[in-house]
Amino acid sequence: MTHTDLECVACPRLAAHLADLRRRETDWHNRPVPSFGPLAARLLVVGLGPGEKGANRTGRPFTGDVAGELLYPALYHFGFASAAEPLDGDKSANPRMRLMDARITNAVRCLPPANKPTSAEIRACNLHLRREIAAMPRLAAILALGGVAHQSVLRALCLSPAQYPFGHNLRYDLPAPLPILFTSYHCSGYNWRTGRLSRESFERVFAALRKEVPLAAEEN
């Protein structure tokens, strides 16, 4: 995400919401949240959008909320992250955290009121996702977390979501030369609390991913 993207005001409702938060919470990020991880990565993880007291506060995807408590330990366990803990203390993003061969972004880069983006806002932000995917020369696999991310990825790839139904721990071999698409229930606090997603079922997705994106020492 460029500096221009960080100042994006293409969606009036989201721009007004963030402007209000900047007045109230002056120490928070309160802007479009940039992606995290190298563009040379082979894995792209796509979520829905920033959480108010998570990425919208810290400025890093999945950092500061419950979702990150599932995502980053899974990334670490399977060798995609240098640490399992995304926070440095209670508030700030861990400055020592590095992603290895992975990058994280969201379908919607701005925090929406009540954490619910409109269909128009999701479509408007799809251009950023399309550009990001195109800018990743080694991209081999995409993990979509939740139905909105799944549909957004397919739209960014100019594919019909109706042809690739969403579900947990699914794999789609998309038309060449597109990357493999993996899907998972979103690692949200709601899905975790209700038992729809467990740490074990979530990590099974990453086990399947790791087979397609092997560690450098395992290649060849």
C-alpha atoms as a PDB file:
ATOM      1  CA  MET A   1       0.000   0.000   0.000  1.00  0.00           C
ATOM      2  CA  THR A   2       1.398   3.355  -1.035  1.00  0.00           C
ATOM      3  CA  HIS A   3       1.294   6.655   0.836  1.00  0.00           C
ATOM      4  CA  THR A   4      -1.590   7.670  -1.433  1.00  0.00           C
ATOM      5  CA  ASP A   5      -3.504   4.544  -0.443  1.00  0.00           C
ATOM      6  CA  LEU A   6      -2.996   5.403   3.231  1.00  0.00           C
ATOM      7  CA  GLU A   7      -4.848   8.664   2.635  1.00  0.00           C
ATOM      8  CA  CYS A   8      -7.616   7.058   0.546  1.00  0.00           C
ATOM      9  CA  VAL A   9     -11.051   8.656   1.021  1.00  0.00           C
ATOM     10  CA  ALA A  10     -12.837   6.853  -1.833  1.00  0.00           C
ATOM     11  CA  CYS A  11     -15.595   5.599   0.488  1.00  0.00           C
ATOM     12  CA  PRO A  12     -17.218   8.635   2.167  1.00  0.00           C
ATOM     13  CA  ARG A  13     -18.781   6.683   5.043  1.00  0.00           C
ATOM     14  CA  LEU A  14     -15.499   5.004   5.959  1.00  0.00           C
ATOM     15  CA  ALA A  15     -13.503   8.218   5.569  1.00  0.00           C
ATOM     16  CA  ALA A  16     -15.905  10.074   7.884  1.00  0.00           C
ATOM     17  CA  HIS A  17     -15.767   7.262  10.437  1.00  0.00           C
ATOM     18  CA  LEU A  18     -11.965   7.277  10.518  1.00  0.00           C
ATOM     19  CA  ALA A  19     -11.850  11.087  10.706  1.00  0.00           C
ATOM     20  CA  ASP A  20     -14.098  10.934  13.765  1.00  0.00           C
ATOM     21  CA  LEU A  21     -11.885   8.287  15.361  1.00  0.00           C
ATOM     22  CA  ARG A  22      -8.761  10.362  14.698  1.00  0.00           C
ATOM     23  CA  ARG A  23     -10.301  13.167  16.736  1.00  0.00           C
ATOM     24  CA  ARG A  24     -11.204  10.832  19.603  1.00  0.00           C
ATOM     25  CA  GLU A  25      -8.265   8.410  19.589  1.00  0.00           C
ATOM     26  CA  THR A  26      -5.256  10.473  18.617  1.00  0.00           C
ATOM     27  CA  ASP A  27      -2.713   7.711  19.303  1.00  0.00           C
ATOM     28  CA  TRP A  28      -4.381   5.146  17.043  1.00  0.00           C
ATOM     29  CA  HIS A  29      -3.586   4.430  13.378  1.00  0.00           C
ATOM     30  CA  ASN A  30      -7.134   5.332  12.207  1.00  0.00           C
ATOM     31  CA  ARG A  31      -6.341   5.119   8.475  1.00  0.00           C
ATOM     32  CA  PRO A  32      -6.378   2.458   5.773  1.00  0.00           C
ATOM     33  CA  VAL A  33      -4.288  -0.409   7.138  1.00  0.00           C
ATOM     34  CA  PRO A  34      -1.316  -1.360   4.950  1.00  0.00           C
ATOM     35  CA  SER A  35      -0.436  -4.965   4.194  1.00  0.00           C
ATOM     36  CA  PHE A  36       2.235  -6.711   6.253  1.00  0.00           C
ATOM     37  CA  GLY A  37       4.960  -8.908   4.816  1.00  0.00           C
ATOM     38  CA  PRO A  38       7.137  -8.982   1.685  1.00  0.00           C
ATOM     39  CA  LEU A  39       5.753  -8.647  -1.840  1.00  0.00           C
ATOM     40  CA  ALA A  40       8.109 -11.481  -2.810  1.00  0.00           C
ATOM     41  CA  ALA A  41       6.139 -13.881  -0.590  1.00  0.00           C
ATOM     42  CA  ARG A  42       4.567 -17.015  -2.045  1.00  0.00           C
ATOM     43  CA  LEU A  43       1.602 -16.935   0.380  1.00  0.00           C
ATOM     44  CA  LEU A  44      -0.987 -14.162   0.670  1.00  0.00           C
ATOM     45  CA  VAL A  45      -3.461 -14.278   3.577  1.00  0.00           C
ATOM     46  CA  VAL A  46      -6.602 -12.191   3.016  1.00  0.00           C
ATOM     47  CA  GLY A  47      -8.976 -11.244   5.838  1.00  0.00           C
ATOM     48  CA  LEU A  48     -12.134  -9.150   5.926  1.00  0.00           C
ATOM     49  CA  GLY A  49     -11.049  -5.814   7.414  1.00  0.00           C
ATOM     50  CA  PRO A  50      -9.389  -4.085  10.378  1.00  0.00           C
ATOM     51  CA  GLY A  51     -10.804  -4.497  13.871  1.00  0.00           C
ATOM     52  CA  GLU A  52     -11.462  -1.239  15.722  1.00  0.00           C
ATOM     53  CA  LYS A  53      -9.090  -1.973  18.603  1.00  0.00           C
ATOM     54  CA  GLY A  54      -6.940  -4.302  16.548  1.00  0.00           C
ATOM     55  CA  ALA A  55      -5.432  -3.311  13.208  1.00  0.00           C
ATOM     56  CA  ASN A  56      -7.175   0.061  13.177  1.00  0.00           C
ATOM     57  CA  ARG A  57      -5.381   0.864  16.423  1.00  0.00           C
ATOM     58  CA  THR A  58      -1.985  -0.752  15.773  1.00  0.00           C
ATOM     59  CA  GLY A  59      -1.723  -0.229  12.010  1.00  0.00           C
ATOM     60  CA  ARG A  60      -0.904  -3.883  11.291  1.00  0.00           C
ATOM     61  CA  PRO A  61      -3.373  -6.535  10.059  1.00  0.00           C
ATOM     62  CA  PHE A  62      -4.671  -8.955  12.703  1.00  0.00           C
ATOM     63  CA  THR A  63      -2.687  -7.271  15.461  1.00  0.00           C
ATOM     64  CA  GLY A  64      -4.337  -6.374  18.751  1.00  0.00           C
ATOM     65  CA  ASP A  65      -7.510  -8.443  18.540  1.00  0.00           C
ATOM     66  CA  VAL A  66      -8.586 -12.044  19.107  1.00  0.00           C
ATOM     67  CA  ALA A  67      -8.202 -12.998  15.447  1.00  0.00           C
ATOM     68  CA  GLY A  68      -4.478 -12.393  15.655  1.00  0.00           C
ATOM     69  CA  GLU A  69      -4.253 -14.714  18.642  1.00  0.00           C
ATOM     70  CA  LEU A  70      -5.144 -17.546  16.274  1.00  0.00           C
ATOM     71  CA  LEU A  71      -3.501 -16.351  13.065  1.00  0.00           C
ATOM     72  CA  TYR A  72       0.014 -15.445  14.188  1.00  0.00           C
ATOM     73  CA  PRO A  73       0.649 -18.586  16.282  1.00  0.00           C
ATOM     74  CA  ALA A  74      -0.431 -20.657  13.266  1.00  0.00           C
ATOM     75  CA  LEU A  75       1.903 -18.707  10.987  1.00  0.00           C
ATOM     76  CA  TYR A  76       4.726 -19.162  13.491  1.00  0.00           C
ATOM     77  CA  HIS A  77       4.056 -22.879  14.016  1.00  0.00           C
ATOM     78  CA  PHE A  78       4.325 -23.525  10.278  1.00  0.00           C
ATOM     79  CA  GLY A  79       7.372 -21.350   9.688  1.00  0.00           C
ATOM     80  CA  PHE A  80       5.724 -18.303   8.112  1.00  0.00           C
ATOM     81  CA  ALA A  81       6.435 -15.923  11.029  1.00  0.00           C
ATOM     82  CA  SER A  82       9.398 -15.228  13.286  1.00  0.00           C
ATOM     83  CA  ALA A  83       7.270 -15.021  16.447  1.00  0.00           C
ATOM     84  CA  ALA A  84       3.880 -16.177  17.697  1.00  0.00           C
ATOM     85  CA  GLU A  85       3.054 -12.984  19.584  1.00  0.00           C
ATOM     86  CA  PRO A  86       1.939 -10.074  17.357  1.00  0.00           C
ATOM     87  CA  LEU A  87       2.013  -7.474  20.133  1.00  0.00           C
ATOM     88  CA  ASP A  88       4.886  -5.784  21.953  1.00  0.00           C
ATOM     89  CA  GLY A  89       3.404  -5.499  25.428  1.00  0.00           C
ATOM     90  CA  ASP A  90      -0.313  -4.720  25.475  1.00  0.00           C
ATOM     91  CA  LYS A  91      -0.665  -2.078  22.766  1.00  0.00           C
ATOM     92  CA  SER A  92       1.940  -1.843  20.030  1.00  0.00           C
ATOM     93  CA  ALA A  93       2.710  -4.125  17.099  1.00  0.00           C
ATOM     94  CA  ASN A  94       5.747  -6.303  17.789  1.00  0.00           C
ATOM     95  CA  PRO A  95       8.601  -4.528  15.934  1.00  0.00           C
ATOM     96  CA  ARG A  96      10.641  -7.740  15.858  1.00  0.00           C
ATOM     97  CA  MET A  97       7.920  -9.724  14.096  1.00  0.00           C
ATOM     98  CA  ARG A  98       8.847 -10.754  10.557  1.00  0.00           C
ATOM     99  CA  LEU A  99       6.851 -12.756   8.070  1.00  0.00           C
ATOM    100  CA  MET A 100       8.765 -15.281   6.006  1.00  0.00           C
ATOM    101  CA  ASP A 101       7.364 -16.033   2.558  1.00  0.00           C
ATOM    102  CA  ALA A 102       3.947 -14.705   3.649  1.00  0.00           C
ATOM    103  CA  ARG A 103       2.025 -11.447   3.392  1.00  0.00           C
ATOM    104  CA  ILE A 104      -1.225 -10.421   5.115  1.00  0.00           C
ATOM    105  CA  THR A 105      -3.858  -8.026   3.846  1.00  0.00           C
ATOM    106  CA  ASN A 106      -7.610  -7.399   4.015  1.00  0.00           C
ATOM    107  CA  ALA A 107     -10.453  -7.248   1.512  1.00  0.00           C
ATOM    108  CA  VAL A 108     -11.424  -3.882   3.037  1.00  0.00           C
ATOM    109  CA  ARG A 109      -8.549  -1.721   4.277  1.00  0.00           C
ATOM    110  CA  CYS A 110     -10.567   0.761   6.387  1.00  0.00           C
ATOM    111  CA  LEU A 111     -12.491   0.126   9.583  1.00  0.00           C
ATOM    112  CA  PRO A 112     -16.249   0.300   8.889  1.00  0.00           C
ATOM    113  CA  PRO A 113     -18.817   1.370  11.485  1.00  0.00           C
ATOM    114  CA  ALA A 114     -19.941  -1.659  13.539  1.00  0.00           C
ATOM    115  CA  ASN A 115     -17.307  -3.706  11.657  1.00  0.00           C
ATOM    116  CA  LYS A 116     -19.741  -4.115   8.742  1.00  0.00           C
ATOM    117  CA  PRO A 117     -18.631  -2.840   5.323  1.00  0.00           C
ATOM    118  CA  THR A 118     -21.283  -2.339   2.664  1.00  0.00           C
ATOM    119  CA  SER A 119     -21.244  -4.230  -0.624  1.00  0.00           C
ATOM    120  CA  ALA A 120     -20.249  -1.018  -2.407  1.00  0.00           C
ATOM    121  CA  GLU A 121     -17.298  -0.491  -0.036  1.00  0.00           C
ATOM    122  CA  ILE A 122     -16.117  -4.059  -0.548  1.00  0.00           C
ATOM    123  CA  ARG A 123     -16.255  -3.594  -4.323  1.00  0.00           C
ATOM    124  CA  ALA A 124     -14.492  -0.225  -4.163  1.00  0.00           C
ATOM    125  CA  CYS A 125     -11.567  -1.695  -2.208  1.00  0.00           C
ATOM    126  CA  ASN A 126     -11.209  -4.644  -4.572  1.00  0.00           C
ATOM    127  CA  LEU A 127      -8.981  -2.571  -6.834  1.00  0.00           C
ATOM    128  CA  HIS A 128      -6.322  -2.474  -4.085  1.00  0.00           C
ATOM    129  CA  LEU A 129      -6.443  -6.260  -3.715  1.00  0.00           C
ATOM    130  CA  ARG A 130      -6.206  -6.762  -7.477  1.00  0.00           C
ATOM    131  CA  ARG A 131      -3.136  -4.532  -7.658  1.00  0.00           C
ATOM    132  CA  GLU A 132      -1.537  -6.266  -4.705  1.00  0.00           C
ATOM    133  CA  ILE A 133      -1.941  -9.725  -6.185  1.00  0.00           C
ATOM    134  CA  ALA A 134      -0.515  -8.491  -9.486  1.00  0.00           C
ATOM    135  CA  ALA A 135       2.498  -7.043  -7.654  1.00  0.00           C
ATOM    136  CA  MET A 136       3.479 -10.390  -6.078  1.00  0.00           C
ATOM    137  CA  PRO A 137       5.693 -12.103  -8.682  1.00  0.00           C
ATOM    138  CA  ARG A 138       6.183 -15.367  -6.742  1.00  0.00           C
ATOM    139  CA  LEU A 139       2.641 -15.782  -5.435  1.00  0.00           C
ATOM    140  CA  ALA A 140       1.767 -19.492  -5.249  1.00  0.00           C
ATOM    141  CA  ALA A 141      -1.153 -19.650  -2.819  1.00  0.00           C
ATOM    142  CA  ILE A 142      -3.830 -17.412  -1.350  1.00  0.00           C
ATOM    143  CA  LEU A 143      -5.638 -18.143   1.920  1.00  0.00           C
ATOM    144  CA  ALA A 144      -9.035 -16.448   2.162  1.00  0.00           C
ATOM    145  CA  LEU A 145     -10.321 -16.074   5.722  1.00  0.00           C
ATOM    146  CA  GLY A 146     -14.110 -15.951   5.608  1.00  0.00           C
ATOM    147  CA  GLY A 147     -16.706 -15.622   2.878  1.00  0.00           C
ATOM    148  CA  VAL A 148     -16.178 -11.926   2.129  1.00  0.00           C
ATOM    149  CA  ALA A 149     -12.443 -12.401   1.655  1.00  0.00           C
ATOM    150  CA  HIS A 150     -13.103 -15.470  -0.482  1.00  0.00           C
ATOM    151  CA  GLN A 151     -15.449 -13.581  -2.804  1.00  0.00           C
ATOM    152  CA  SER A 152     -13.121 -10.578  -2.924  1.00  0.00           C
ATOM    153  CA  VAL A 153     -10.148 -12.712  -3.960  1.00  0.00           C
ATOM    154  CA  LEU A 154     -12.131 -14.345  -6.753  1.00  0.00           C
ATOM    155  CA  ARG A 155     -13.372 -10.975  -8.013  1.00  0.00           C
ATOM    156  CA  ALA A 156      -9.821  -9.620  -7.945  1.00  0.00           C
ATOM    157  CA  LEU A 157      -8.804 -12.600 -10.092  1.00  0.00           C
ATOM    158  CA  CYS A 158     -11.766 -11.995 -12.451  1.00  0.00           C
ATOM    159  CA  LEU A 159     -13.387 -15.305 -11.480  1.00  0.00           C
ATOM    160  CA  SER A 160     -16.997 -15.966 -10.520  1.00  0.00           C
ATOM    161  CA  PRO A 161     -17.524 -16.742  -6.817  1.00  0.00           C
ATOM    162  CA  ALA A 162     -20.453 -18.970  -7.826  1.00  0.00           C
ATOM    163  CA  GLN A 163     -18.001 -21.413  -9.437  1.00  0.00           C
ATOM    164  CA  TYR A 164     -15.921 -21.764  -6.259  1.00  0.00           C
ATOM    165  CA  PRO A 165     -18.218 -22.125  -3.208  1.00  0.00           C
ATOM    166  CA  PHE A 166     -16.846 -21.061   0.153  1.00  0.00           C
ATOM    167  CA  GLY A 167     -16.233 -23.550   2.954  1.00  0.00           C
ATOM    168  CA  HIS A 168     -13.707 -24.402   5.616  1.00  0.00           C
ATOM    169  CA  ASN A 169     -10.394 -25.998   4.627  1.00  0.00           C
ATOM    170  CA  LEU A 170     -11.123 -26.163   0.915  1.00  0.00           C
ATOM    171  CA  ARG A 171      -8.562 -26.013  -1.872  1.00  0.00           C
ATOM    172  CA  TYR A 172      -9.192 -24.767  -5.393  1.00  0.00           C
ATOM    173  CA  ASP A 173      -6.782 -25.199  -8.295  1.00  0.00           C
ATOM    174  CA  LEU A 174      -7.597 -22.053 -10.225  1.00  0.00           C
ATOM    175  CA  PRO A 175      -6.927 -21.689 -13.971  1.00  0.00           C
ATOM    176  CA  ALA A 176      -3.214 -21.362 -14.758  1.00  0.00           C
ATOM    177  CA  PRO A 177      -1.209 -19.276 -14.091  1.00  0.00           C
ATOM    178  CA  LEU A 178      -3.281 -18.206 -11.064  1.00  0.00           C
ATOM    179  CA  PRO A 179      -2.274 -19.272  -7.542  1.00  0.00           C
ATOM    180  CA  ILE A 180      -3.936 -22.058  -5.580  1.00  0.00           C
ATOM    181  CA  LEU A 181      -6.810 -20.812  -3.431  1.00  0.00           C
ATOM    182  CA  PHE A 182      -7.333 -22.115   0.114  1.00  0.00           C
ATOM    183  CA  THR A 183     -10.321 -21.169   2.260  1.00  0.00           C
ATOM    184  CA  SER A 184     -10.965 -21.107   5.994  1.00  0.00           C
ATOM    185  CA  TYR A 185     -13.560 -19.828   8.379  1.00  0.00           C
ATOM    186  CA  HIS A 186     -12.404 -16.450   9.653  1.00  0.00           C
ATOM    187  CA  CYS A 187     -10.335 -16.666  12.839  1.00  0.00           C
ATOM    188  CA  SER A 188     -12.649 -14.194  14.571  1.00  0.00           C
ATOM    189  CA  GLY A 189     -13.425 -14.146  18.252  1.00  0.00           C
ATOM    190  CA  TYR A 190     -17.012 -15.086  17.445  1.00  0.00           C
ATOM    191  CA  ASN A 191     -16.050 -18.205  15.485  1.00  0.00           C
ATOM    192  CA  TRP A 192     -13.566 -19.187  18.188  1.00  0.00           C
ATOM    193  CA  ARG A 193     -16.003 -18.669  21.096  1.00  0.00           C
ATOM    194  CA  THR A 194     -18.851 -20.522  19.396  1.00  0.00           C
ATOM    195  CA  GLY A 195     -16.666 -23.484  18.489  1.00  0.00           C
ATOM    196  CA  ARG A 196     -17.124 -23.057  14.762  1.00  0.00           C
ATOM    197  CA  LEU A 197     -13.342 -22.817  14.506  1.00  0.00           C
ATOM    198  CA  SER A 198     -10.777 -24.345  16.834  1.00  0.00           C
ATOM    199  CA  ARG A 199      -7.033 -23.882  16.934  1.00  0.00           C
ATOM    200  CA  GLU A 200      -6.665 -27.446  15.673  1.00  0.00           C
ATOM    201  CA  SER A 201      -9.055 -27.071  12.732  1.00  0.00           C
ATOM    202  CA  PHE A 202      -7.427 -23.763  11.814  1.00  0.00           C
ATOM    203  CA  GLU A 203      -3.926 -25.219  11.882  1.00  0.00           C
ATOM    204  CA  ARG A 204      -5.021 -28.054   9.602  1.00  0.00           C
ATOM    205  CA  VAL A 205      -5.502 -25.410   6.924  1.00  0.00           C
ATOM    206  CA  PHE A 206      -1.908 -24.274   7.385  1.00  0.00           C
ATOM    207  CA  ALA A 207      -0.659 -27.852   7.289  1.00  0.00           C
ATOM    208  CA  ALA A 208      -2.260 -28.200   3.846  1.00  0.00           C
ATOM    209  CA  LEU A 209      -0.819 -24.836   2.816  1.00  0.00           C
ATOM    210  CA  ARG A 210       2.689 -25.769   3.874  1.00  0.00           C
ATOM    211  CA  LYS A 211       2.611 -28.754   1.533  1.00  0.00           C
ATOM    212  CA  GLU A 212       2.021 -26.381  -1.379  1.00  0.00           C
ATOM    213  CA  VAL A 213       4.434 -23.689  -0.151  1.00  0.00           C
ATOM    214  CA  PRO A 214       7.332 -25.726   1.286  1.00  0.00           C
ATOM    215  CA  LEU A 215      10.152 -24.260   3.312  1.00  0.00           C
ATOM    216  CA  ALA A 216      13.120 -23.305   1.155  1.00  0.00           C
ATOM    217  CA  ALA A 217      15.182 -26.177   2.614  1.00  0.00           C
ATOM    218  CA  GLU A 218      12.431 -28.632   1.580  1.00  0.00           C
ATOM    219  CA  GLU A 219      12.261 -27.514  -2.040  1.00  0.00           C
ATOM    220  CA  ASN A 220      13.628 -29.805  -4.690  1.00  0.00           C
END
